[in-house]
Amino acid sequence: MLKITFLLAALLFFIPACSKETRKEFYPDGTLMSSCEYNKDGMLDGVCKRYYQNGFLQTEAGYKDNVLNGQKKEYYESGKVKGEVTFKG
């Protein structure tokens, strides 16, 4: 009985984590262009990162149901922070 309870608790914890999918896009040369989290309905939901072709981070933003939510940071191609803003979705 204890094993079944533990298994059910583990599944209840694990299933919500599986409801997000990370999608990645790549430049023609194979360099990562973006990595974004989507919910089961196909909407941006979580962190979305976009990269310059040189591999440095271009933007990092939080989304909730396709709406900007939380911090969004933008970077210069050199890697230095260009600016940041906070959204309340």
PDB file of N, CA and C in Angstrom:
ATOM      1  N   MET A   1       0.830  -1.198   0.000  1.00  0.00           N
ATOM      2  CA  MET A   1       0.000   0.000   0.000  1.00  0.00           C
ATOM      3  C   MET A   1       0.865   1.250   0.000  1.00  0.00           C
ATOM      4  N   LEU A   2       1.957   1.211   0.760  1.00  0.00           N
ATOM      5  CA  LEU A   2       2.857   2.354   0.819  1.00  0.00           C
ATOM      6  C   LEU A   2       3.490   2.621  -0.543  1.00  0.00           C
ATOM      7  N   LYS A   3       3.821   1.545  -1.279  1.00  0.00           N
ATOM      8  CA  LYS A   3       4.414   1.695  -2.609  1.00  0.00           C
ATOM      9  C   LYS A   3       3.429   2.360  -3.568  1.00  0.00           C
ATOM     10  N   ILE A   4       2.170   1.961  -3.496  1.00  0.00           N
ATOM     11  CA  ILE A   4       1.144   2.543  -4.369  1.00  0.00           C
ATOM     12  C   ILE A   4       0.950   4.016  -4.046  1.00  0.00           C
ATOM     13  N   THR A   5       0.909   4.357  -2.778  1.00  0.00           N
ATOM     14  CA  THR A   5       0.764   5.754  -2.372  1.00  0.00           C
ATOM     15  C   THR A   5       1.938   6.581  -2.860  1.00  0.00           C
ATOM     16  N   PHE A   6       3.131   6.043  -2.730  1.00  0.00           N
ATOM     17  CA  PHE A   6       4.324   6.752  -3.187  1.00  0.00           C
ATOM     18  C   PHE A   6       4.292   6.935  -4.702  1.00  0.00           C
ATOM     19  N   LEU A   7       3.895   5.891  -5.423  1.00  0.00           N
ATOM     20  CA  LEU A   7       3.824   5.956  -6.879  1.00  0.00           C
ATOM     21  C   LEU A   7       2.809   7.001  -7.326  1.00  0.00           C
ATOM     22  N   LEU A   8       1.643   7.031  -6.707  1.00  0.00           N
ATOM     23  CA  LEU A   8       0.625   8.021  -7.044  1.00  0.00           C
ATOM     24  C   LEU A   8       1.108   9.444  -6.757  1.00  0.00           C
ATOM     25  N   ALA A   9       1.765   9.620  -5.627  1.00  0.00           N
ATOM     26  CA  ALA A   9       2.292  10.941  -5.286  1.00  0.00           C
ATOM     27  C   ALA A   9       3.346  11.376  -6.299  1.00  0.00           C
ATOM     28  N   ALA A  10       4.207  10.435  -6.698  1.00  0.00           N
ATOM     29  CA  ALA A  10       5.244  10.755  -7.690  1.00  0.00           C
ATOM     30  C   ALA A  10       4.617  11.131  -9.023  1.00  0.00           C
ATOM     31  N   LEU A  11       3.587  10.405  -9.443  1.00  0.00           N
ATOM     32  CA  LEU A  11       2.914  10.725 -10.707  1.00  0.00           C
ATOM     33  C   LEU A  11       2.231  12.082 -10.667  1.00  0.00           C
ATOM     34  N   LEU A  12       1.585  12.396  -9.562  1.00  0.00           N
ATOM     35  CA  LEU A  12       0.917  13.692  -9.437  1.00  0.00           C
ATOM     36  C   LEU A  12       1.925  14.838  -9.485  1.00  0.00           C
ATOM     37  N   PHE A  13       3.113  14.599  -8.987  1.00  0.00           N
ATOM     38  CA  PHE A  13       4.167  15.612  -9.036  1.00  0.00           C
ATOM     39  C   PHE A  13       4.752  15.710 -10.443  1.00  0.00           C
ATOM     40  N   PHE A  14       4.894  14.587 -11.120  1.00  0.00           N
ATOM     41  CA  PHE A  14       5.572  14.529 -12.403  1.00  0.00           C
ATOM     42  C   PHE A  14       4.684  14.980 -13.566  1.00  0.00           C
ATOM     43  N   ILE A  15       3.408  14.668 -13.551  1.00  0.00           N
ATOM     44  CA  ILE A  15       2.516  14.969 -14.664  1.00  0.00           C
ATOM     45  C   ILE A  15       2.464  16.464 -14.991  1.00  0.00           C
ATOM     46  N   PRO A  16       2.301  17.376 -14.009  1.00  0.00           N
ATOM     47  CA  PRO A  16       2.301  18.801 -14.378  1.00  0.00           C
ATOM     48  C   PRO A  16       3.612  19.237 -15.031  1.00  0.00           C
ATOM     49  N   ALA A  17       4.719  18.661 -14.636  1.00  0.00           N
ATOM     50  CA  ALA A  17       6.009  19.019 -15.235  1.00  0.00           C
ATOM     51  C   ALA A  17       6.060  18.584 -16.690  1.00  0.00           C
ATOM     52  N   CYS A  18       5.337  17.535 -17.036  1.00  0.00           N
ATOM     53  CA  CYS A  18       5.338  17.028 -18.411  1.00  0.00           C
ATOM     54  C   CYS A  18       4.406  17.816 -19.314  1.00  0.00           C
ATOM     55  N   SER A  19       3.623  18.697 -18.767  1.00  0.00           N
ATOM     56  CA  SER A  19       2.666  19.433 -19.583  1.00  0.00           C
ATOM     57  C   SER A  19       3.329  20.573 -20.350  1.00  0.00           C
ATOM     58  N   LYS A  20       4.623  20.788 -20.144  1.00  0.00           N
ATOM     59  CA  LYS A  20       5.356  21.802 -20.894  1.00  0.00           C
ATOM     60  C   LYS A  20       6.304  21.135 -21.870  1.00  0.00           C
ATOM     61  N   GLU A  21       6.473  21.794 -22.988  1.00  0.00           N
ATOM     62  CA  GLU A  21       7.358  21.287 -24.030  1.00  0.00           C
ATOM     63  C   GLU A  21       8.345  22.388 -24.383  1.00  0.00           C
ATOM     64  N   THR A  22       9.603  22.050 -24.491  1.00  0.00           N
ATOM     65  CA  THR A  22      10.611  23.012 -24.923  1.00  0.00           C
ATOM     66  C   THR A  22      10.838  22.820 -26.413  1.00  0.00           C
ATOM     67  N   ARG A  23      10.647  23.896 -27.164  1.00  0.00           N
ATOM     68  CA  ARG A  23      10.876  23.857 -28.612  1.00  0.00           C
ATOM     69  C   ARG A  23      12.123  24.668 -28.928  1.00  0.00           C
ATOM     70  N   LYS A  24      12.937  24.118 -29.802  1.00  0.00           N
ATOM     71  CA  LYS A  24      14.181  24.782 -30.180  1.00  0.00           C
ATOM     72  C   LYS A  24      14.208  25.026 -31.679  1.00  0.00           C
ATOM     73  N   GLU A  25      14.760  26.187 -32.051  1.00  0.00           N
ATOM     74  CA  GLU A  25      14.978  26.528 -33.451  1.00  0.00           C
ATOM     75  C   GLU A  25      16.468  26.756 -33.637  1.00  0.00           C
ATOM     76  N   PHE A  26      16.949  26.478 -34.844  1.00  0.00           N
ATOM     77  CA  PHE A  26      18.371  26.580 -35.119  1.00  0.00           C
ATOM     78  C   PHE A  26      18.635  27.411 -36.372  1.00  0.00           C
ATOM     79  N   TYR A  27      19.764  28.098 -36.383  1.00  0.00           N
ATOM     80  CA  TYR A  27      20.224  28.785 -37.585  1.00  0.00           C
ATOM     81  C   TYR A  27      20.656  27.723 -38.600  1.00  0.00           C
ATOM     82  N   PRO A  28      20.752  28.101 -39.897  1.00  0.00           N
ATOM     83  CA  PRO A  28      21.163  27.122 -40.915  1.00  0.00           C
ATOM     84  C   PRO A  28      22.492  26.417 -40.603  1.00  0.00           C
ATOM     85  N   ASP A  29      23.382  27.088 -39.863  1.00  0.00           N
ATOM     86  CA  ASP A  29      24.669  26.455 -39.543  1.00  0.00           C
ATOM     87  C   ASP A  29      24.600  25.537 -38.316  1.00  0.00           C
ATOM     88  N   GLY A  30      23.401  25.391 -37.733  1.00  0.00           N
ATOM     89  CA  GLY A  30      23.221  24.493 -36.595  1.00  0.00           C
ATOM     90  C   GLY A  30      23.295  25.172 -35.237  1.00  0.00           C
ATOM     91  N   THR A  31      23.624  26.458 -35.209  1.00  0.00           N
ATOM     92  CA  THR A  31      23.685  27.211 -33.956  1.00  0.00           C
ATOM     93  C   THR A  31      22.269  27.426 -33.424  1.00  0.00           C
ATOM     94  N   LEU A  32      22.111  27.294 -32.115  1.00  0.00           N
ATOM     95  CA  LEU A  32      20.806  27.491 -31.487  1.00  0.00           C
ATOM     96  C   LEU A  32      20.313  28.920 -31.691  1.00  0.00           C
ATOM     97  N   MET A  33      19.080  29.063 -32.209  1.00  0.00           N
ATOM     98  CA  MET A  33      18.456  30.366 -32.428  1.00  0.00           C
ATOM     99  C   MET A  33      17.521  30.718 -31.271  1.00  0.00           C
ATOM    100  N   SER A  34      16.749  29.729 -30.805  1.00  0.00           N
ATOM    101  CA  SER A  34      15.824  29.982 -29.701  1.00  0.00           C
ATOM    102  C   SER A  34      15.479  28.687 -28.984  1.00  0.00           C
ATOM    103  N   SER A  35      15.079  28.859 -27.736  1.00  0.00           N
ATOM    104  CA  SER A  35      14.619  27.755 -26.909  1.00  0.00           C
ATOM    105  C   SER A  35      13.489  28.305 -26.047  1.00  0.00           C
ATOM    106  N   CYS A  36      12.272  27.826 -26.308  1.00  0.00           N
ATOM    107  CA  CYS A  36      11.098  28.380 -25.623  1.00  0.00           C
ATOM    108  C   CYS A  36      10.214  27.267 -25.083  1.00  0.00           C
ATOM    109  N   GLU A  37       9.595  27.542 -23.926  1.00  0.00           N
ATOM    110  CA  GLU A  37       8.687  26.587 -23.303  1.00  0.00           C
ATOM    111  C   GLU A  37       7.249  26.887 -23.716  1.00  0.00           C
ATOM    112  N   TYR A  38       6.523  25.836 -24.061  1.00  0.00           N
ATOM    113  CA  TYR A  38       5.124  25.946 -24.464  1.00  0.00           C
ATOM    114  C   TYR A  38       4.282  25.036 -23.587  1.00  0.00           C
ATOM    115  N   ASN A  39       3.046  25.444 -23.333  1.00  0.00           N
ATOM    116  CA  ASN A  39       2.142  24.594 -22.550  1.00  0.00           C
ATOM    117  C   ASN A  39       1.448  23.593 -23.477  1.00  0.00           C
ATOM    118  N   LYS A  40       0.592  22.761 -22.914  1.00  0.00           N
ATOM    119  CA  LYS A  40      -0.072  21.710 -23.692  1.00  0.00           C
ATOM    120  C   LYS A  40      -0.999  22.274 -24.767  1.00  0.00           C
ATOM    121  N   ASP A  41      -1.384  23.555 -24.642  1.00  0.00           N
ATOM    122  CA  ASP A  41      -2.239  24.194 -25.637  1.00  0.00           C
ATOM    123  C   ASP A  41      -1.436  24.887 -26.732  1.00  0.00           C
ATOM    124  N   GLY A  42      -0.107  24.754 -26.683  1.00  0.00           N
ATOM    125  CA  GLY A  42       0.740  25.341 -27.715  1.00  0.00           C
ATOM    126  C   GLY A  42       1.048  26.812 -27.523  1.00  0.00           C
ATOM    127  N   MET A  43       0.788  27.337 -26.319  1.00  0.00           N
ATOM    128  CA  MET A  43       1.071  28.749 -26.048  1.00  0.00           C
ATOM    129  C   MET A  43       2.374  28.894 -25.270  1.00  0.00           C
ATOM    130  N   LEU A  44       3.091  29.987 -25.534  1.00  0.00           N
ATOM    131  CA  LEU A  44       4.302  30.272 -24.766  1.00  0.00           C
ATOM    132  C   LEU A  44       3.946  30.305 -23.291  1.00  0.00           C
ATOM    133  N   ASP A  45       4.688  29.545 -22.495  1.00  0.00           N
ATOM    134  CA  ASP A  45       4.371  29.447 -21.074  1.00  0.00           C
ATOM    135  C   ASP A  45       5.634  29.021 -20.336  1.00  0.00           C
ATOM    136  N   GLY A  46       6.389  30.001 -19.896  1.00  0.00           N
ATOM    137  CA  GLY A  46       7.665  29.728 -19.250  1.00  0.00           C
ATOM    138  C   GLY A  46       8.722  30.648 -19.832  1.00  0.00           C
ATOM    139  N   VAL A  47       9.947  30.192 -19.825  1.00  0.00           N
ATOM    140  CA  VAL A  47      11.069  31.008 -20.286  1.00  0.00           C
ATOM    141  C   VAL A  47      11.288  30.811 -21.783  1.00  0.00           C
ATOM    142  N   CYS A  48      11.519  31.923 -22.468  1.00  0.00           N
ATOM    143  CA  CYS A  48      11.851  31.890 -23.888  1.00  0.00           C
ATOM    144  C   CYS A  48      13.172  32.634 -24.060  1.00  0.00           C
ATOM    145  N   LYS A  49      14.149  31.948 -24.636  1.00  0.00           N
ATOM    146  CA  LYS A  49      15.462  32.548 -24.871  1.00  0.00           C
ATOM    147  C   LYS A  49      15.744  32.561 -26.361  1.00  0.00           C
ATOM    148  N   ARG A  50      16.212  33.715 -26.843  1.00  0.00           N
ATOM    149  CA  ARG A  50      16.610  33.847 -28.243  1.00  0.00           C
ATOM    150  C   ARG A  50      18.083  34.232 -28.263  1.00  0.00           C
ATOM    151  N   TYR A  51      18.792  33.697 -29.245  1.00  0.00           N
ATOM    152  CA  TYR A  51      20.239  33.862 -29.308  1.00  0.00           C
ATOM    153  C   TYR A  51      20.682  34.512 -30.610  1.00  0.00           C
ATOM    154  N   TYR A  52      21.778  35.279 -30.524  1.00  0.00           N
ATOM    155  CA  TYR A  52      22.435  35.761 -31.720  1.00  0.00           C
ATOM    156  C   TYR A  52      23.111  34.569 -32.395  1.00  0.00           C
ATOM    157  N   GLN A  53      23.454  34.737 -33.656  1.00  0.00           N
ATOM    158  CA  GLN A  53      24.098  33.641 -34.376  1.00  0.00           C
ATOM    159  C   GLN A  53      25.478  33.314 -33.798  1.00  0.00           C
ATOM    160  N   ASN A  54      26.077  34.285 -33.085  1.00  0.00           N
ATOM    161  CA  ASN A  54      27.384  34.021 -32.460  1.00  0.00           C
ATOM    162  C   ASN A  54      27.251  33.211 -31.167  1.00  0.00           C
ATOM    163  N   GLY A  55      26.003  32.869 -30.774  1.00  0.00           N
ATOM    164  CA  GLY A  55      25.774  32.046 -29.591  1.00  0.00           C
ATOM    165  C   GLY A  55      25.444  32.817 -28.332  1.00  0.00           C
ATOM    166  N   PHE A  56      25.637  34.137 -28.351  1.00  0.00           N
ATOM    167  CA  PHE A  56      25.317  34.935 -27.171  1.00  0.00           C
ATOM    168  C   PHE A  56      23.804  35.140 -27.067  1.00  0.00           C
ATOM    169  N   LEU A  57      23.346  35.250 -25.831  1.00  0.00           N
ATOM    170  CA  LEU A  57      21.928  35.463 -25.556  1.00  0.00           C
ATOM    171  C   LEU A  57      21.484  36.821 -26.080  1.00  0.00           C
ATOM    172  N   GLN A  58      20.355  36.850 -26.791  1.00  0.00           N
ATOM    173  CA  GLN A  58      19.796  38.095 -27.315  1.00  0.00           C
ATOM    174  C   GLN A  58      18.670  38.600 -26.414  1.00  0.00           C
ATOM    175  N   THR A  59      17.724  37.730 -26.086  1.00  0.00           N
ATOM    176  CA  THR A  59      16.636  38.085 -25.172  1.00  0.00           C
ATOM    177  C   THR A  59      16.295  36.875 -24.305  1.00  0.00           C
ATOM    178  N   GLU A  60      15.806  37.172 -23.118  1.00  0.00           N
ATOM    179  CA  GLU A  60      15.303  36.150 -22.208  1.00  0.00           C
ATOM    180  C   GLU A  60      14.051  36.725 -21.583  1.00  0.00           C
ATOM    181  N   ALA A  61      12.933  36.028 -21.747  1.00  0.00           N
ATOM    182  CA  ALA A  61      11.663  36.567 -21.267  1.00  0.00           C
ATOM    183  C   ALA A  61      10.785  35.462 -20.713  1.00  0.00           C
ATOM    184  N   GLY A  62       9.956  35.832 -19.741  1.00  0.00           N
ATOM    185  CA  GLY A  62       8.982  34.916 -19.180  1.00  0.00           C
ATOM    186  C   GLY A  62       7.618  35.146 -19.802  1.00  0.00           C
ATOM    187  N   TYR A  63       6.901  34.065 -20.031  1.00  0.00           N
ATOM    188  CA  TYR A  63       5.565  34.137 -20.615  1.00  0.00           C
ATOM    189  C   TYR A  63       4.605  33.304 -19.785  1.00  0.00           C
ATOM    190  N   LYS A  64       3.343  33.707 -19.821  1.00  0.00           N
ATOM    191  CA  LYS A  64       2.251  32.927 -19.240  1.00  0.00           C
ATOM    192  C   LYS A  64       1.099  33.000 -20.221  1.00  0.00           C
ATOM    193  N   ASP A  65       0.735  31.875 -20.803  1.00  0.00           N
ATOM    194  CA  ASP A  65      -0.353  31.802 -21.786  1.00  0.00           C
ATOM    195  C   ASP A  65      -0.179  32.810 -22.920  1.00  0.00           C
ATOM    196  N   ASN A  66       1.016  32.849 -23.513  1.00  0.00           N
ATOM    197  CA  ASN A  66       1.352  33.691 -24.663  1.00  0.00           C
ATOM    198  C   ASN A  66       1.479  35.182 -24.344  1.00  0.00           C
ATOM    199  N   VAL A  67       1.470  35.539 -23.072  1.00  0.00           N
ATOM    200  CA  VAL A  67       1.580  36.947 -22.671  1.00  0.00           C
ATOM    201  C   VAL A  67       2.867  37.127 -21.871  1.00  0.00           C
ATOM    202  N   LEU A  68       3.622  38.184 -22.203  1.00  0.00           N
ATOM    203  CA  LEU A  68       4.834  38.468 -21.436  1.00  0.00           C
ATOM    204  C   LEU A  68       4.469  38.598 -19.965  1.00  0.00           C
ATOM    205  N   ASN A  69       5.241  37.923 -19.116  1.00  0.00           N
ATOM    206  CA  ASN A  69       4.952  37.920 -17.693  1.00  0.00           C
ATOM    207  C   ASN A  69       6.270  37.772 -16.933  1.00  0.00           C
ATOM    208  N   GLY A  70       6.604  38.751 -16.136  1.00  0.00           N
ATOM    209  CA  GLY A  70       7.869  38.721 -15.406  1.00  0.00           C
ATOM    210  C   GLY A  70       8.926  39.531 -16.128  1.00  0.00           C
ATOM    211  N   GLN A  71      10.170  39.184 -15.910  1.00  0.00           N
ATOM    212  CA  GLN A  71      11.269  39.960 -16.472  1.00  0.00           C
ATOM    213  C   GLN A  71      11.553  39.595 -17.920  1.00  0.00           C
ATOM    214  N   LYS A  72      11.894  40.618 -18.674  1.00  0.00           N
ATOM    215  CA  LYS A  72      12.418  40.433 -20.020  1.00  0.00           C
ATOM    216  C   LYS A  72      13.746  41.170 -20.060  1.00  0.00           C
ATOM    217  N   LYS A  73      14.803  40.466 -20.434  1.00  0.00           N
ATOM    218  CA  LYS A  73      16.122  41.072 -20.550  1.00  0.00           C
ATOM    219  C   LYS A  73      16.569  41.014 -21.998  1.00  0.00           C
ATOM    220  N   GLU A  74      17.179  42.098 -22.439  1.00  0.00           N
ATOM    221  CA  GLU A  74      17.756  42.141 -23.777  1.00  0.00           C
ATOM    222  C   GLU A  74      19.250  42.363 -23.651  1.00  0.00           C
ATOM    223  N   TYR A  75      19.992  41.760 -24.555  1.00  0.00           N
ATOM    224  CA  TYR A  75      21.451  41.818 -24.503  1.00  0.00           C
ATOM    225  C   TYR A  75      22.019  42.305 -25.838  1.00  0.00           C
ATOM    226  N   TYR A  76      23.160  42.973 -25.753  1.00  0.00           N
ATOM    227  CA  TYR A  76      23.914  43.313 -26.953  1.00  0.00           C
ATOM    228  C   TYR A  76      24.576  42.045 -27.475  1.00  0.00           C
ATOM    229  N   GLU A  77      25.008  42.085 -28.715  1.00  0.00           N
ATOM    230  CA  GLU A  77      25.659  40.927 -29.312  1.00  0.00           C
ATOM    231  C   GLU A  77      26.962  40.571 -28.590  1.00  0.00           C
ATOM    232  N   SER A  78      27.482  41.524 -27.844  1.00  0.00           N
ATOM    233  CA  SER A  78      28.701  41.286 -27.063  1.00  0.00           C
ATOM    234  C   SER A  78      28.417  40.501 -25.780  1.00  0.00           C
ATOM    235  N   GLY A  79      27.135  40.415 -25.391  1.00  0.00           N
ATOM    236  CA  GLY A  79      26.757  39.708 -24.178  1.00  0.00           C
ATOM    237  C   GLY A  79      26.402  40.621 -23.020  1.00  0.00           C
ATOM    238  N   LYS A  80      26.664  41.934 -23.177  1.00  0.00           N
ATOM    239  CA  LYS A  80      26.320  42.871 -22.106  1.00  0.00           C
ATOM    240  C   LYS A  80      24.829  43.177 -22.133  1.00  0.00           C
ATOM    241  N   VAL A  81      24.280  43.448 -20.940  1.00  0.00           N
ATOM    242  CA  VAL A  81      22.850  43.740 -20.821  1.00  0.00           C
ATOM    243  C   VAL A  81      22.525  45.069 -21.482  1.00  0.00           C
ATOM    244  N   LYS A  82      21.534  45.041 -22.377  1.00  0.00           N
ATOM    245  CA  LYS A  82      21.046  46.240 -23.082  1.00  0.00           C
ATOM    246  C   LYS A  82      19.961  46.906 -22.250  1.00  0.00           C
ATOM    247  N   GLY A  83      19.109  46.110 -21.639  1.00  0.00           N
ATOM    248  CA  GLY A  83      18.023  46.655 -20.825  1.00  0.00           C
ATOM    249  C   GLY A  83      17.137  45.545 -20.292  1.00  0.00           C
ATOM    250  N   GLU A  84      16.327  45.911 -19.330  1.00  0.00           N
ATOM    251  CA  GLU A  84      15.379  44.941 -18.802  1.00  0.00           C
ATOM    252  C   GLU A  84      14.126  45.650 -18.347  1.00  0.00           C
ATOM    253  N   VAL A  85      13.024  44.926 -18.434  1.00  0.00           N
ATOM    254  CA  VAL A  85      11.725  45.466 -18.059  1.00  0.00           C
ATOM    255  C   VAL A  85      10.920  44.331 -17.424  1.00  0.00           C
ATOM    256  N   THR A  86      10.000  44.694 -16.541  1.00  0.00           N
ATOM    257  CA  THR A  86       9.161  43.690 -15.890  1.00  0.00           C
ATOM    258  C   THR A  86       7.722  43.842 -16.362  1.00  0.00           C
ATOM    259  N   PHE A  87       7.143  42.740 -16.769  1.00  0.00           N
ATOM    260  CA  PHE A  87       5.755  42.724 -17.231  1.00  0.00           C
ATOM    261  C   PHE A  87       4.906  42.005 -16.201  1.00  0.00           C
ATOM    262  N   LYS A  88       3.695  42.492 -16.043  1.00  0.00           N
ATOM    263  CA  LYS A  88       2.731  41.830 -15.159  1.00  0.00           C
ATOM    264  C   LYS A  88       1.549  41.405 -16.014  1.00  0.00           C
ATOM    265  N   GLY A  89       1.523  40.111 -16.325  1.00  0.00           N
ATOM    266  CA  GLY A  89       0.526  39.577 -17.250  1.00  0.00           C
ATOM    267  C   GLY A  89      -0.719  39.207 -16.628  1.00  0.00           C
TER     268      GLY A  89
END
